[in-house]
Amino acid sequence: MTTPRPALTPDDLKHLRDGLRTVQTRLTDVRVTETSDDGLVSATVGGRGELLDLDLDPRIYRTPDSRALATAITTTIRRARTEAADRAAALTRRSLARGGRLAEGEPGEDPAFGPLLRRLDRDLQEFQ
């Protein structure tokens, strides 16, 4: 049996809304660059998991193995995306924490905040 979460107060909702706006802004600053094990592939990913840059060392042409190259590229991008998601989640937890009460269970993996912010604004209007 799970313990019910305490009801959110208007101040909690305002804090959550403001925290989400902060996260939304700061996610644009998150940049993660990973390099493949062989050093031939470098990928930079943003805070929303988008590929920002891909660099292929010219030495990739020395061994014409397209499957190995594709694996190196996808593996490097996945590692960068994982690290970026971890950083985004940590940023989200820090921005939303308020005595630990709102931080628990708040996902950092989905930074599409528009619908949630609109919902919070509507919920806050009910208290005014």
Protein backbone atom coordinates (compact mmCIF):
# COMPACT_ATOMS: atom_id res chain seq x y z
CA MET A 1 0.00 0.00 0.00
CA THR A 2 1.36 3.39 -0.96
CA THR A 3 1.19 6.48 1.21
CA PRO A 4 -0.87 9.24 -0.40
CA ARG A 5 1.08 12.35 -1.37
CA PRO A 6 0.22 15.46 0.62
CA ALA A 7 -1.94 18.01 -1.18
CA LEU A 8 -0.03 20.80 -2.86
CA THR A 9 -0.60 24.31 -1.58
CA PRO A 10 -0.73 27.37 -3.83
CA ASP A 11 2.83 28.19 -2.75
CA ASP A 12 3.91 24.66 -3.74
CA LEU A 13 2.31 25.07 -7.17
CA LYS A 14 3.98 28.46 -7.68
CA HIS A 15 7.34 26.98 -6.67
CA LEU A 16 6.82 24.08 -9.05
CA ARG A 17 5.85 26.38 -11.91
CA ASP A 18 8.82 28.68 -11.31
CA GLY A 19 11.16 25.70 -10.98
CA LEU A 20 9.94 24.26 -14.27
CA ARG A 21 10.51 27.57 -16.02
CA THR A 22 14.03 27.67 -14.61
CA VAL A 23 14.72 24.14 -15.82
CA GLN A 24 13.28 24.93 -19.23
CA THR A 25 15.69 27.86 -19.56
CA ARG A 26 18.74 26.05 -18.17
CA LEU A 27 18.31 22.97 -20.36
CA THR A 28 19.55 25.02 -23.29
CA ASP A 29 22.91 25.31 -21.50
CA VAL A 30 23.37 21.54 -21.12
CA ARG A 31 25.92 20.18 -23.59
CA VAL A 32 27.52 16.76 -23.38
CA THR A 33 30.28 15.55 -25.68
CA GLU A 34 31.29 11.90 -25.78
CA THR A 35 34.03 10.28 -27.82
CA SER A 36 34.05 6.72 -29.11
CA ASP A 37 36.43 4.19 -27.59
CA ASP A 38 38.68 4.38 -30.64
CA GLY A 39 38.66 8.20 -30.58
CA LEU A 40 37.36 8.49 -34.14
CA VAL A 41 33.79 9.62 -33.40
CA SER A 42 32.74 12.56 -31.26
CA ALA A 43 29.10 13.47 -30.59
CA THR A 44 27.68 16.48 -28.76
CA VAL A 45 24.12 16.32 -27.43
CA GLY A 46 21.96 19.03 -25.85
CA GLY A 47 19.83 18.97 -22.72
CA ARG A 48 16.79 17.74 -24.59
CA GLY A 49 18.72 14.85 -26.12
CA GLU A 50 19.13 16.49 -29.52
CA LEU A 51 22.28 15.82 -31.52
CA LEU A 52 24.11 19.14 -31.84
CA ASP A 53 27.36 18.06 -33.44
CA LEU A 54 28.95 14.94 -34.88
CA ASP A 55 32.62 14.84 -35.71
CA LEU A 56 34.23 11.99 -37.65
CA ASP A 57 38.00 11.78 -37.67
CA PRO A 58 39.33 11.30 -41.24
CA ARG A 59 41.07 8.13 -40.06
CA ILE A 60 37.69 6.36 -40.30
CA TYR A 61 38.44 5.86 -44.00
CA ARG A 62 41.46 3.68 -43.27
CA THR A 63 39.22 0.75 -42.37
CA PRO A 64 36.19 0.59 -44.68
CA ASP A 65 33.85 -1.13 -42.20
CA SER A 66 30.54 0.71 -42.42
CA ARG A 67 28.87 -1.52 -39.82
CA ALA A 68 31.61 -0.82 -37.24
CA LEU A 69 31.41 2.90 -38.00
CA ALA A 70 27.63 2.92 -37.62
CA THR A 71 27.95 1.09 -34.30
CA ALA A 72 30.58 3.54 -33.07
CA ILE A 73 28.39 6.50 -34.04
CA THR A 74 25.20 5.19 -32.44
CA THR A 75 26.98 3.99 -29.30
CA THR A 76 28.69 7.37 -28.85
CA ILE A 77 25.45 9.29 -29.38
CA ARG A 78 23.62 7.02 -26.91
CA ARG A 79 26.28 7.59 -24.26
CA ALA A 80 26.05 11.35 -24.78
CA ARG A 81 22.24 11.24 -24.61
CA THR A 82 22.34 9.19 -21.40
CA GLU A 83 24.71 11.66 -19.75
CA ALA A 84 22.64 14.62 -20.97
CA ALA A 85 19.45 13.01 -19.58
CA ASP A 86 21.20 12.43 -16.24
CA ARG A 87 22.29 16.06 -16.11
CA ALA A 88 18.80 17.25 -17.07
CA ALA A 89 17.26 15.05 -14.37
CA ALA A 90 19.68 16.39 -11.74
CA LEU A 91 18.96 19.94 -12.86
CA THR A 92 15.24 19.28 -12.61
CA ARG A 93 15.52 17.78 -9.13
CA ARG A 94 17.63 20.71 -7.88
CA SER A 95 15.30 23.31 -9.39
CA LEU A 96 12.13 21.71 -8.07
CA ALA A 97 13.36 20.65 -4.63
CA ARG A 98 11.66 22.40 -1.77
CA GLY A 99 12.61 20.71 1.41
CA GLY A 100 12.62 17.45 -0.56
CA ARG A 101 8.83 17.53 -0.80
CA LEU A 102 8.42 18.19 -4.50
CA ALA A 103 11.63 16.58 -5.69
CA GLU A 104 10.58 13.00 -5.04
CA GLY A 105 9.28 11.30 -8.14
CA GLU A 106 9.67 14.31 -10.43
CA PRO A 107 11.01 13.05 -13.77
CA GLY A 108 13.83 14.88 -15.47
CA GLU A 109 13.73 12.86 -18.66
CA ASP A 110 10.84 14.73 -20.31
CA PRO A 111 11.69 18.41 -20.64
CA ALA A 112 8.58 19.33 -22.67
CA PHE A 113 7.20 21.71 -20.07
CA GLY A 114 4.63 23.74 -21.96
CA PRO A 115 1.53 21.63 -21.19
CA LEU A 116 2.52 21.18 -17.55
CA LEU A 117 3.15 24.90 -17.07
CA ARG A 118 -0.24 25.75 -18.57
CA ARG A 119 -1.89 23.22 -16.25
CA LEU A 120 -0.11 24.67 -13.21
CA ASP A 121 -1.21 28.17 -14.19
CA ARG A 122 -4.82 26.96 -14.40
CA ASP A 123 -4.54 25.19 -11.03
CA LEU A 124 -3.08 28.32 -9.42
CA GLN A 125 -5.95 30.43 -10.69
CA GLU A 126 -8.35 28.23 -8.71
CA PHE A 127 -6.65 29.32 -5.47
CA GLN A 128 -6.91 33.05 -6.22
